[in-house]
Amino acid sequence: MKRRSFLQAGLAVAGATLLTGHSSDRQWYALGPQHWLIAAAHGDAEACRLAGAVSALLAARVPGSQAMSTEAESEREVVQLLRTHQLELAIVGIDAANGALSGSVTSFPDGPVPLRTVAPFGAHLLVALEGYSTDKAARIAGALAGFRWQDGSVPTRGSGPQSKVPLHPGAIRFKQARESKTGE
């Protein structure tokens, strides 16, 4: 019996090692389909804070989302994970989102990435690819409407650049439905 338990434990450790591996890409495949992963760049503390807050809010407000935040090494890696469909959602700064959308040669040499804004958060955006589910994007936009930090404040944009990333069709659908209900 002890031998069997020892073997099971060894196989579990080996499986975990293979799933995490040395390549950071493997974790995205392991978690992606069951969870709404929201990535942020490790070096952007505000984006990481937003990703954590947004994922907690989505997990609480959208049944079955199993939303959780995760970090990648850089905004360039976050965008690359979106481009290759290893991730569906990310919090990125407006500069990075604009650069990815335009295919800035210095930041994103692989060419333009068709990002769409699901929800704006001051100097950051929750983005997805243009082909992301309209229904999911509308649910996310609805769940995040009126987002505030725990202290009641809202993320501020400051005097930074304007976003050039268009709204996702799901975010537009939510916005139009809200406007028709409120008459605004």
Foldseek 3Di string as FASTA:
>chain_A
DVVVVVVVVVVVVVVVCVQPPPDNLSVLVVCPPQAQEEEDAPVDVVQQVVQQVLQVLCPVQPPSRNYHYDYDNHLLVVLVCQQVVSHFKYKDFLVSLQCQQQCPCVRRVVGHFQKAFLQDFARIGIIGHLPPDLQVSLSSLVSCPPPDDPVRHTHHNPPDDDHPHHHHNSSVVNVVVVCVVVVD
